[in-house]
Amino acid sequence: MIAGIYRNKFARRGFVAEVASDGQDGLRKIGQWKPDVVLLDLMMPKIDGLSLLRTIRSDSATRELPVIVFSNSFSKSTAEEARKLGATRLLSKSETRPNQLLEVVIELLGAATSEESVAGERNDRAACMGTALKIAKEMRPLLIEFFAHDQASLLVTL
């Protein structure tokens, strides 16, 4: 349920997110989907988070993949092990708000991604405004005609 909330949060900001049901499913999805960043819980069925992180770092195709360990299962030794295995960041679920997590992901993906996102939003707005202006220009003569005649009779014929 919580993973779904985060997936929706990321989707609203333009990200595509996948959720894995367990560590084995996560490993399969990483191999097939090739994500830009992984949010990794330590407590998962089938393959635990530290084992999955070890596997990610041992594969040349995923060795440099940013991995945010995002869990509530932090003991001092677990956190140290995650760092040694190459976790990019360690975040506590209970202490990190969704917007903070989103900011960390954007930061890890780099300023270029954020700039592209902002540029994309500007382009979307510009395209929308262009379409709105075109529609307004097309409607102008129709509205002039509408208001020049008896409005009630035109509404009946429409």
N, C-alpha and C. Protein backbone atom coordinates (compact mmCIF):
# COMPACT_ATOMS: atom_id res chain seq x y z
N MET A 1 0.82 -1.19 0.00
CA MET A 1 0.00 0.00 0.00
C MET A 1 0.87 1.26 0.00
N ILE A 2 1.88 1.29 0.84
CA ILE A 2 2.75 2.46 0.92
C ILE A 2 3.53 2.63 -0.39
N ALA A 3 3.96 1.52 -0.97
CA ALA A 3 4.67 1.59 -2.25
C ALA A 3 3.77 2.21 -3.32
N GLY A 4 2.50 1.88 -3.30
CA GLY A 4 1.55 2.45 -4.25
C GLY A 4 1.40 3.95 -4.08
N ILE A 5 1.42 4.40 -2.84
CA ILE A 5 1.34 5.84 -2.56
C ILE A 5 2.55 6.55 -3.15
N TYR A 6 3.72 5.99 -2.94
CA TYR A 6 4.94 6.59 -3.49
C TYR A 6 4.94 6.53 -5.01
N ARG A 7 4.49 5.42 -5.57
CA ARG A 7 4.43 5.30 -7.04
C ARG A 7 3.54 6.42 -7.60
N ASN A 8 2.38 6.65 -6.97
CA ASN A 8 1.48 7.71 -7.43
C ASN A 8 2.11 9.09 -7.28
N LYS A 9 2.82 9.30 -6.18
CA LYS A 9 3.50 10.58 -5.95
C LYS A 9 4.51 10.85 -7.07
N PHE A 10 5.29 9.83 -7.41
CA PHE A 10 6.28 9.98 -8.47
C PHE A 10 5.60 10.16 -9.83
N ALA A 11 4.52 9.44 -10.06
CA ALA A 11 3.80 9.55 -11.34
C ALA A 11 3.25 10.96 -11.54
N ARG A 12 2.75 11.57 -10.46
CA ARG A 12 2.22 12.94 -10.56
C ARG A 12 3.31 13.93 -10.94
N ARG A 13 4.56 13.59 -10.67
CA ARG A 13 5.68 14.46 -11.03
C ARG A 13 6.33 14.05 -12.35
N GLY A 14 5.71 13.10 -13.07
CA GLY A 14 6.19 12.74 -14.40
C GLY A 14 7.14 11.56 -14.44
N PHE A 15 7.34 10.89 -13.32
CA PHE A 15 8.20 9.72 -13.30
C PHE A 15 7.39 8.46 -13.59
N VAL A 16 8.03 7.47 -14.14
CA VAL A 16 7.42 6.16 -14.31
C VAL A 16 8.04 5.29 -13.23
N ALA A 17 7.23 4.68 -12.40
CA ALA A 17 7.74 3.88 -11.29
C ALA A 17 7.13 2.49 -11.33
N GLU A 18 7.94 1.51 -11.01
CA GLU A 18 7.50 0.13 -10.88
C GLU A 18 7.64 -0.27 -9.42
N VAL A 19 6.77 -1.14 -8.97
CA VAL A 19 6.85 -1.65 -7.60
C VAL A 19 7.05 -3.16 -7.68
N ALA A 20 8.00 -3.64 -6.92
CA ALA A 20 8.26 -5.08 -6.86
C ALA A 20 7.64 -5.65 -5.60
N SER A 21 7.08 -6.84 -5.72
CA SER A 21 6.41 -7.47 -4.58
C SER A 21 7.38 -8.10 -3.60
N ASP A 22 8.59 -8.40 -4.06
CA ASP A 22 9.61 -9.00 -3.20
C ASP A 22 10.98 -8.78 -3.85
N GLY A 23 12.03 -9.21 -3.18
CA GLY A 23 13.38 -9.01 -3.69
C GLY A 23 13.64 -9.71 -5.02
N GLN A 24 13.12 -10.90 -5.17
CA GLN A 24 13.29 -11.64 -6.41
C GLN A 24 12.61 -10.91 -7.58
N ASP A 25 11.40 -10.42 -7.34
CA ASP A 25 10.68 -9.65 -8.34
C ASP A 25 11.44 -8.36 -8.64
N GLY A 26 12.00 -7.74 -7.62
CA GLY A 26 12.79 -6.52 -7.80
C GLY A 26 13.99 -6.76 -8.69
N LEU A 27 14.70 -7.83 -8.45
CA LEU A 27 15.87 -8.17 -9.26
C LEU A 27 15.47 -8.39 -10.72
N ARG A 28 14.36 -9.08 -10.92
CA ARG A 28 13.87 -9.34 -12.28
C ARG A 28 13.50 -8.02 -12.96
N LYS A 29 12.80 -7.14 -12.24
CA LYS A 29 12.38 -5.87 -12.83
C LYS A 29 13.57 -4.97 -13.13
N ILE A 30 14.57 -4.97 -12.28
CA ILE A 30 15.76 -4.17 -12.53
C ILE A 30 16.43 -4.64 -13.83
N GLY A 31 16.52 -5.95 -14.01
CA GLY A 31 17.13 -6.50 -15.22
C GLY A 31 16.34 -6.19 -16.48
N GLN A 32 15.03 -6.29 -16.39
CA GLN A 32 14.19 -6.06 -17.57
C GLN A 32 13.95 -4.59 -17.84
N TRP A 33 13.68 -3.84 -16.79
CA TRP A 33 13.22 -2.47 -16.93
C TRP A 33 14.37 -1.45 -17.00
N LYS A 34 15.51 -1.77 -16.42
CA LYS A 34 16.68 -0.90 -16.39
C LYS A 34 16.34 0.51 -15.87
N PRO A 35 15.97 0.61 -14.60
CA PRO A 35 15.57 1.90 -14.02
C PRO A 35 16.75 2.86 -13.89
N ASP A 36 16.44 4.13 -13.70
CA ASP A 36 17.46 5.16 -13.49
C ASP A 36 17.88 5.24 -12.03
N VAL A 37 17.02 4.78 -11.13
CA VAL A 37 17.30 4.79 -9.69
C VAL A 37 16.43 3.71 -9.05
N VAL A 38 16.91 3.13 -7.95
CA VAL A 38 16.17 2.11 -7.22
C VAL A 38 15.96 2.57 -5.79
N LEU A 39 14.71 2.45 -5.32
CA LEU A 39 14.40 2.65 -3.90
C LEU A 39 14.32 1.25 -3.31
N LEU A 40 15.14 0.97 -2.35
CA LEU A 40 15.29 -0.39 -1.85
C LEU A 40 14.96 -0.49 -0.37
N ASP A 41 13.98 -1.32 -0.05
CA ASP A 41 13.67 -1.63 1.35
C ASP A 41 14.58 -2.78 1.76
N LEU A 42 14.96 -2.82 3.01
CA LEU A 42 15.82 -3.90 3.48
C LEU A 42 15.03 -5.15 3.85
N MET A 43 13.79 -4.96 4.28
CA MET A 43 12.96 -6.08 4.71
C MET A 43 12.02 -6.49 3.59
N MET A 44 12.42 -7.51 2.85
CA MET A 44 11.61 -8.02 1.74
C MET A 44 11.63 -9.54 1.77
N PRO A 45 10.55 -10.15 1.31
CA PRO A 45 10.55 -11.61 1.21
C PRO A 45 11.44 -12.08 0.04
N LYS A 46 11.79 -13.33 0.09
CA LYS A 46 12.57 -14.06 -0.94
C LYS A 46 14.03 -13.63 -1.02
N ILE A 47 14.30 -12.36 -1.30
CA ILE A 47 15.67 -11.84 -1.27
C ILE A 47 15.63 -10.56 -0.45
N ASP A 48 16.40 -10.51 0.64
CA ASP A 48 16.38 -9.30 1.47
C ASP A 48 17.14 -8.17 0.78
N GLY A 49 16.96 -6.96 1.27
CA GLY A 49 17.52 -5.78 0.63
C GLY A 49 19.03 -5.77 0.54
N LEU A 50 19.72 -6.21 1.59
CA LEU A 50 21.19 -6.23 1.54
C LEU A 50 21.69 -7.22 0.49
N SER A 51 21.05 -8.37 0.40
CA SER A 51 21.44 -9.36 -0.63
C SER A 51 21.17 -8.81 -2.02
N LEU A 52 20.06 -8.13 -2.19
CA LEU A 52 19.74 -7.54 -3.49
C LEU A 52 20.74 -6.45 -3.84
N LEU A 53 21.10 -5.61 -2.88
CA LEU A 53 22.10 -4.57 -3.11
C LEU A 53 23.44 -5.20 -3.50
N ARG A 54 23.82 -6.27 -2.83
CA ARG A 54 25.06 -6.99 -3.14
C ARG A 54 25.03 -7.48 -4.60
N THR A 55 23.88 -8.01 -5.02
CA THR A 55 23.73 -8.51 -6.39
C THR A 55 23.79 -7.37 -7.40
N ILE A 56 23.13 -6.27 -7.09
CA ILE A 56 23.15 -5.10 -7.98
C ILE A 56 24.58 -4.62 -8.18
N ARG A 57 25.33 -4.52 -7.11
CA ARG A 57 26.71 -4.01 -7.19
C ARG A 57 27.68 -5.01 -7.82
N SER A 58 27.34 -6.28 -7.83
CA SER A 58 28.25 -7.27 -8.42
C SER A 58 28.06 -7.41 -9.93
N ASP A 59 27.01 -6.84 -10.47
CA ASP A 59 26.72 -6.93 -11.90
C ASP A 59 27.22 -5.66 -12.59
N SER A 60 28.05 -5.80 -13.62
CA SER A 60 28.62 -4.63 -14.30
C SER A 60 27.53 -3.76 -14.94
N ALA A 61 26.40 -4.33 -15.29
CA ALA A 61 25.32 -3.56 -15.91
C ALA A 61 24.60 -2.65 -14.92
N THR A 62 24.66 -2.99 -13.64
CA THR A 62 23.94 -2.22 -12.62
C THR A 62 24.86 -1.66 -11.54
N ARG A 63 26.14 -1.85 -11.69
CA ARG A 63 27.10 -1.45 -10.65
C ARG A 63 26.99 0.03 -10.29
N GLU A 64 26.75 0.90 -11.27
CA GLU A 64 26.69 2.34 -11.04
C GLU A 64 25.27 2.85 -10.81
N LEU A 65 24.29 1.97 -10.80
CA LEU A 65 22.89 2.34 -10.61
C LEU A 65 22.69 2.97 -9.23
N PRO A 66 22.16 4.18 -9.16
CA PRO A 66 21.91 4.77 -7.84
C PRO A 66 20.87 3.94 -7.07
N VAL A 67 21.22 3.59 -5.85
CA VAL A 67 20.31 2.81 -5.00
C VAL A 67 20.11 3.56 -3.68
N ILE A 68 18.86 3.95 -3.45
CA ILE A 68 18.50 4.60 -2.20
C ILE A 68 17.91 3.53 -1.30
N VAL A 69 18.61 3.23 -0.21
CA VAL A 69 18.06 2.30 0.76
C VAL A 69 17.06 3.10 1.57
N PHE A 70 15.80 2.71 1.43
CA PHE A 70 14.68 3.44 2.02
C PHE A 70 13.92 2.47 2.90
N SER A 71 14.25 2.50 4.19
CA SER A 71 13.75 1.45 5.07
C SER A 71 13.57 1.98 6.48
N ASN A 72 12.88 1.19 7.29
CA ASN A 72 12.79 1.47 8.72
C ASN A 72 13.63 0.47 9.51
N SER A 73 14.33 -0.38 8.80
CA SER A 73 15.08 -1.47 9.44
C SER A 73 16.55 -1.13 9.58
N PHE A 74 16.84 0.03 10.17
CA PHE A 74 18.23 0.43 10.32
C PHE A 74 18.74 0.19 11.73
N SER A 75 19.66 -0.72 11.84
CA SER A 75 20.48 -0.79 13.04
C SER A 75 21.82 -0.20 12.61
N LYS A 76 22.69 0.06 13.55
CA LYS A 76 24.00 0.62 13.19
C LYS A 76 24.76 -0.32 12.26
N SER A 77 24.70 -1.60 12.55
CA SER A 77 25.42 -2.57 11.72
C SER A 77 24.79 -2.72 10.33
N THR A 78 23.47 -2.65 10.25
CA THR A 78 22.78 -2.76 8.97
C THR A 78 23.11 -1.56 8.09
N ALA A 79 23.08 -0.38 8.68
CA ALA A 79 23.41 0.84 7.94
C ALA A 79 24.84 0.79 7.43
N GLU A 80 25.75 0.35 8.28
CA GLU A 80 27.16 0.24 7.88
C GLU A 80 27.33 -0.77 6.75
N GLU A 81 26.63 -1.89 6.84
CA GLU A 81 26.69 -2.91 5.78
C GLU A 81 26.16 -2.35 4.47
N ALA A 82 25.05 -1.60 4.52
CA ALA A 82 24.48 -1.01 3.31
C ALA A 82 25.47 -0.02 2.67
N ARG A 83 26.15 0.76 3.51
CA ARG A 83 27.16 1.69 3.00
C ARG A 83 28.31 0.93 2.34
N LYS A 84 28.79 -0.11 3.00
CA LYS A 84 29.89 -0.91 2.46
C LYS A 84 29.51 -1.56 1.13
N LEU A 85 28.25 -1.96 1.00
CA LEU A 85 27.79 -2.60 -0.23
C LEU A 85 27.55 -1.59 -1.36
N GLY A 86 27.58 -0.31 -1.03
CA GLY A 86 27.48 0.70 -2.08
C GLY A 86 26.16 1.41 -2.19
N ALA A 87 25.39 1.46 -1.11
CA ALA A 87 24.14 2.25 -1.15
C ALA A 87 24.49 3.70 -1.44
N THR A 88 23.76 4.30 -2.35
CA THR A 88 24.01 5.69 -2.71
C THR A 88 23.55 6.62 -1.59
N ARG A 89 22.40 6.30 -1.01
CA ARG A 89 21.85 7.06 0.12
C ARG A 89 21.13 6.10 1.04
N LEU A 90 21.05 6.48 2.32
CA LEU A 90 20.26 5.75 3.31
C LEU A 90 19.23 6.71 3.86
N LEU A 91 17.95 6.35 3.73
CA LEU A 91 16.87 7.18 4.23
C LEU A 91 15.91 6.35 5.06
N SER A 92 15.46 6.92 6.15
CA SER A 92 14.49 6.26 7.01
C SER A 92 13.08 6.59 6.53
N LYS A 93 12.26 5.58 6.35
CA LYS A 93 10.87 5.80 5.92
C LYS A 93 10.12 6.67 6.92
N SER A 94 10.35 6.44 8.19
CA SER A 94 9.60 7.17 9.21
C SER A 94 10.05 8.62 9.35
N GLU A 95 11.25 8.95 8.89
CA GLU A 95 11.77 10.30 9.05
C GLU A 95 11.82 11.10 7.74
N THR A 96 11.43 10.48 6.63
CA THR A 96 11.53 11.13 5.32
C THR A 96 10.13 11.31 4.73
N ARG A 97 9.78 12.55 4.47
CA ARG A 97 8.48 12.84 3.83
C ARG A 97 8.57 12.54 2.34
N PRO A 98 7.45 12.25 1.70
CA PRO A 98 7.47 11.94 0.26
C PRO A 98 8.15 13.01 -0.59
N ASN A 99 7.92 14.29 -0.28
CA ASN A 99 8.57 15.34 -1.06
C ASN A 99 10.08 15.33 -0.89
N GLN A 100 10.55 14.98 0.30
CA GLN A 100 11.99 14.90 0.53
C GLN A 100 12.60 13.76 -0.30
N LEU A 101 11.90 12.63 -0.34
CA LEU A 101 12.37 11.51 -1.14
C LEU A 101 12.42 11.90 -2.61
N LEU A 102 11.41 12.57 -3.07
CA LEU A 102 11.35 13.03 -4.45
C LEU A 102 12.53 13.95 -4.76
N GLU A 103 12.85 14.86 -3.85
CA GLU A 103 13.98 15.77 -4.03
C GLU A 103 15.30 15.00 -4.13
N VAL A 104 15.47 13.96 -3.32
CA VAL A 104 16.68 13.16 -3.36
C VAL A 104 16.79 12.45 -4.71
N VAL A 105 15.69 11.90 -5.18
CA VAL A 105 15.70 11.20 -6.48
C VAL A 105 16.07 12.19 -7.59
N ILE A 106 15.46 13.35 -7.59
CA ILE A 106 15.77 14.36 -8.61
C ILE A 106 17.23 14.75 -8.54
N GLU A 107 17.74 14.92 -7.34
CA GLU A 107 19.15 15.27 -7.16
C GLU A 107 20.05 14.17 -7.72
N LEU A 108 19.74 12.92 -7.43
CA LEU A 108 20.57 11.81 -7.91
C LEU A 108 20.51 11.66 -9.43
N LEU A 109 19.37 11.97 -9.99
CA LEU A 109 19.24 11.87 -11.45
C LEU A 109 19.97 13.01 -12.14
N GLY A 110 20.29 14.05 -11.40
CA GLY A 110 21.11 15.13 -11.94
C GLY A 110 20.32 16.35 -12.33
N ALA A 111 21.02 17.46 -12.37
CA ALA A 111 20.40 18.74 -12.71
C ALA A 111 19.84 18.71 -14.12
N ALA A 112 20.48 17.97 -15.03
CA ALA A 112 19.99 17.92 -16.42
C ALA A 112 18.57 17.38 -16.45
N THR A 113 18.30 16.35 -15.66
CA THR A 113 16.96 15.79 -15.63
C THR A 113 15.96 16.81 -15.11
N SER A 114 16.32 17.55 -14.07
CA SER A 114 15.42 18.56 -13.52
C SER A 114 15.19 19.66 -14.54
N GLU A 115 16.26 20.09 -15.23
CA GLU A 115 16.12 21.13 -16.24
C GLU A 115 15.27 20.65 -17.40
N GLU A 116 15.45 19.39 -17.82
CA GLU A 116 14.64 18.83 -18.89
C GLU A 116 13.17 18.79 -18.47
N SER A 117 12.93 18.45 -17.20
CA SER A 117 11.56 18.39 -16.69
C SER A 117 10.92 19.77 -16.72
N VAL A 118 11.66 20.79 -16.28
CA VAL A 118 11.14 22.15 -16.28
C VAL A 118 10.91 22.61 -17.71
N ALA A 119 11.88 22.31 -18.61
CA ALA A 119 11.72 22.68 -20.02
C ALA A 119 10.52 21.97 -20.62
N GLY A 120 10.33 20.72 -20.27
CA GLY A 120 9.17 19.97 -20.76
C GLY A 120 7.87 20.58 -20.29
N GLU A 121 7.82 21.01 -19.02
CA GLU A 121 6.63 21.68 -18.50
C GLU A 121 6.36 22.98 -19.25
N ARG A 122 7.44 23.74 -19.53
CA ARG A 122 7.27 24.99 -20.28
C ARG A 122 6.75 24.71 -21.68
N ASN A 123 7.32 23.67 -22.34
CA ASN A 123 6.87 23.32 -23.69
C ASN A 123 5.41 22.87 -23.67
N ASP A 124 5.01 22.11 -22.66
CA ASP A 124 3.62 21.68 -22.55
C ASP A 124 2.70 22.88 -22.40
N ARG A 125 3.09 23.82 -21.54
CA ARG A 125 2.28 25.02 -21.34
C ARG A 125 2.20 25.85 -22.62
N ALA A 126 3.33 25.98 -23.31
CA ALA A 126 3.36 26.75 -24.56
C ALA A 126 2.48 26.10 -25.61
N ALA A 127 2.55 24.78 -25.72
CA ALA A 127 1.70 24.07 -26.69
C ALA A 127 0.23 24.24 -26.34
N CYS A 128 -0.08 24.16 -25.05
CA CYS A 128 -1.47 24.32 -24.60
C CYS A 128 -1.97 25.73 -24.92
N MET A 129 -1.15 26.73 -24.63
CA MET A 129 -1.54 28.11 -24.92
C MET A 129 -1.71 28.33 -26.41
N GLY A 130 -0.82 27.75 -27.22
CA GLY A 130 -0.93 27.87 -28.67
C GLY A 130 -2.23 27.27 -29.18
N THR A 131 -2.59 26.11 -28.65
CA THR A 131 -3.84 25.46 -29.04
C THR A 131 -5.04 26.30 -28.59
N ALA A 132 -4.99 26.83 -27.39
CA ALA A 132 -6.09 27.66 -26.87
C ALA A 132 -6.27 28.90 -27.74
N LEU A 133 -5.16 29.54 -28.14
CA LEU A 133 -5.27 30.73 -28.99
C LEU A 133 -5.87 30.38 -30.35
N LYS A 134 -5.46 29.26 -30.91
CA LYS A 134 -6.00 28.82 -32.21
C LYS A 134 -7.51 28.59 -32.11
N ILE A 135 -7.94 27.92 -31.06
CA ILE A 135 -9.37 27.65 -30.86
C ILE A 135 -10.13 28.97 -30.67
N ALA A 136 -9.56 29.88 -29.90
CA ALA A 136 -10.21 31.18 -29.67
C ALA A 136 -10.37 31.94 -30.98
N LYS A 137 -9.34 31.91 -31.83
CA LYS A 137 -9.42 32.59 -33.12
C LYS A 137 -10.50 31.97 -34.00
N GLU A 138 -10.60 30.63 -33.96
CA GLU A 138 -11.63 29.95 -34.76
C GLU A 138 -13.03 30.23 -34.23
N MET A 139 -13.15 30.40 -32.93
CA MET A 139 -14.46 30.62 -32.33
C MET A 139 -14.91 32.08 -32.43
N ARG A 140 -14.00 32.99 -32.58
CA ARG A 140 -14.34 34.43 -32.57
C ARG A 140 -15.44 34.76 -33.57
N PRO A 141 -15.31 34.37 -34.87
CA PRO A 141 -16.39 34.72 -35.80
C PRO A 141 -17.73 34.06 -35.43
N LEU A 142 -17.66 32.86 -34.89
CA LEU A 142 -18.89 32.19 -34.49
C LEU A 142 -19.56 32.91 -33.32
N LEU A 143 -18.77 33.37 -32.39
CA LEU A 143 -19.32 34.10 -31.25
C LEU A 143 -19.88 35.45 -31.67
N ILE A 144 -19.20 36.12 -32.60
CA ILE A 144 -19.71 37.40 -33.09
C ILE A 144 -21.07 37.19 -33.74
N GLU A 145 -21.17 36.14 -34.58
CA GLU A 145 -22.44 35.84 -35.23
C GLU A 145 -23.51 35.50 -34.20
N PHE A 146 -23.13 34.70 -33.21
CA PHE A 146 -24.07 34.29 -32.18
C PHE A 146 -24.67 35.49 -31.45
N PHE A 147 -23.80 36.41 -31.04
CA PHE A 147 -24.28 37.57 -30.27
C PHE A 147 -24.97 38.61 -31.15
N ALA A 148 -24.74 38.56 -32.48
CA ALA A 148 -25.40 39.50 -33.38
C ALA A 148 -26.85 39.13 -33.63
N HIS A 149 -27.22 37.90 -33.40
CA HIS A 149 -28.59 37.43 -33.65
C HIS A 149 -29.33 37.21 -32.34
N ASP A 150 -30.57 36.87 -32.50
CA ASP A 150 -31.39 36.51 -31.34
C ASP A 150 -30.81 35.22 -30.75
N GLN A 151 -30.24 35.26 -29.58
CA GLN A 151 -29.56 34.13 -28.96
C GLN A 151 -30.50 32.94 -28.75
N ALA A 152 -31.72 33.17 -28.38
CA ALA A 152 -32.65 32.08 -28.11
C ALA A 152 -32.92 31.25 -29.36
N SER A 153 -33.09 31.91 -30.51
CA SER A 153 -33.38 31.16 -31.74
C SER A 153 -32.16 30.38 -32.21
N LEU A 154 -30.97 30.92 -31.99
CA LEU A 154 -29.76 30.18 -32.39
C LEU A 154 -29.54 28.96 -31.51
N LEU A 155 -29.85 29.06 -30.25
CA LEU A 155 -29.68 27.92 -29.35
C LEU A 155 -30.60 26.77 -29.75
N VAL A 156 -31.78 27.08 -30.22
CA VAL A 156 -32.71 26.04 -30.64
C VAL A 156 -32.20 25.34 -31.88
N THR A 157 -31.56 26.06 -32.81
CA THR A 157 -31.09 25.46 -34.05
C THR A 157 -29.78 24.71 -33.88
N LEU A 158 -29.06 24.98 -32.82
CA LEU A 158 -27.81 24.26 -32.58
C LEU A 158 -28.13 22.85 -32.18
